[in-house]
């Protein structure tokens, strides 16, 4: 099975869709890491959970993906 996605990078809405499509793996990895942080936090109350989550999201430059 094959699919071809075509984006008009002159259109701001298509640019957003293109960013989402090309960075979907980074998002999936970030969500996996967040899940693991939450799992560790349930076992270890010393984990600085919110800081770890922000670090993970900053690694993939989440602001660029959402703007």
Protein backbone atom coordinates (compact mmCIF):
# COMPACT_ATOMS: atom_id res chain seq x y z
CA UNK A 1 0.00 0.00 0.00
CA UNK A 2 1.32 3.44 -0.91
CA UNK A 3 0.13 6.96 -0.32
CA UNK A 4 1.34 10.26 -1.64
CA UNK A 5 0.66 13.39 0.36
CA UNK A 6 0.81 16.71 -1.45
CA UNK A 7 1.13 20.03 0.36
CA UNK A 8 0.97 23.58 -0.96
CA UNK A 9 3.69 25.15 1.19
CA UNK A 10 2.48 28.60 0.19
CA UNK A 11 -0.73 27.93 2.14
CA UNK A 12 -0.30 28.44 5.91
CA UNK A 13 -2.81 25.66 6.71
CA UNK A 14 -0.89 23.21 4.51
CA UNK A 15 2.37 24.25 6.17
CA UNK A 16 0.88 23.31 9.55
CA UNK A 17 -0.34 19.98 8.18
CA UNK A 18 3.08 19.32 6.65
CA UNK A 19 4.83 20.00 9.98
CA UNK A 20 2.45 17.65 11.78
CA UNK A 21 3.01 14.89 9.24
CA UNK A 22 6.79 15.20 9.10
CA UNK A 23 7.19 15.40 12.88
CA UNK A 24 4.71 12.71 13.88
CA UNK A 25 7.45 10.28 14.87
CA UNK A 26 8.98 12.88 17.21
CA UNK A 27 5.57 13.39 18.81
CA UNK A 28 5.05 9.64 19.24
CA UNK A 29 8.47 9.28 20.88
CA UNK A 30 7.75 12.23 23.19
CA UNK A 31 4.43 10.71 24.25
CA UNK A 32 6.14 7.36 24.89
CA UNK A 33 8.74 9.12 27.06
CA UNK A 34 6.02 11.00 28.96
CA UNK A 35 4.19 7.73 29.57
CA UNK A 36 7.38 6.26 31.02
CA UNK A 37 7.90 9.32 33.23
CA UNK A 38 4.39 8.98 34.58
CA UNK A 39 4.94 5.28 35.23
CA UNK A 40 8.18 6.01 37.14
CA UNK A 41 6.51 8.81 39.09
CA UNK A 42 3.93 6.41 40.44
CA UNK A 43 6.77 4.35 41.91
CA UNK A 44 9.21 7.11 42.88
CA UNK A 45 7.87 10.23 44.57
CA UNK A 46 11.25 12.00 44.25
CA UNK A 47 10.97 12.27 40.44
CA UNK A 48 10.54 15.86 39.30
CA UNK A 49 7.76 14.89 36.94
CA UNK A 50 6.76 18.25 35.51
CA UNK A 51 10.39 19.18 34.75
CA UNK A 52 10.97 15.86 32.99
CA UNK A 53 7.87 16.31 30.87
CA UNK A 54 8.85 19.85 29.88
CA UNK A 55 12.36 18.63 28.97
CA UNK A 56 10.91 15.91 26.74
CA UNK A 57 8.58 18.35 24.99
CA UNK A 58 11.37 20.92 24.57
CA UNK A 59 13.56 18.30 22.88
CA UNK A 60 11.11 18.06 19.99
CA UNK A 61 10.46 21.81 19.92
CA UNK A 62 6.75 21.40 20.54
CA UNK A 63 6.03 25.11 20.03
CA UNK A 64 7.12 24.87 16.38
CA UNK A 65 4.87 21.87 15.79
CA UNK A 66 1.84 23.68 17.18
CA UNK A 67 2.31 27.06 15.52
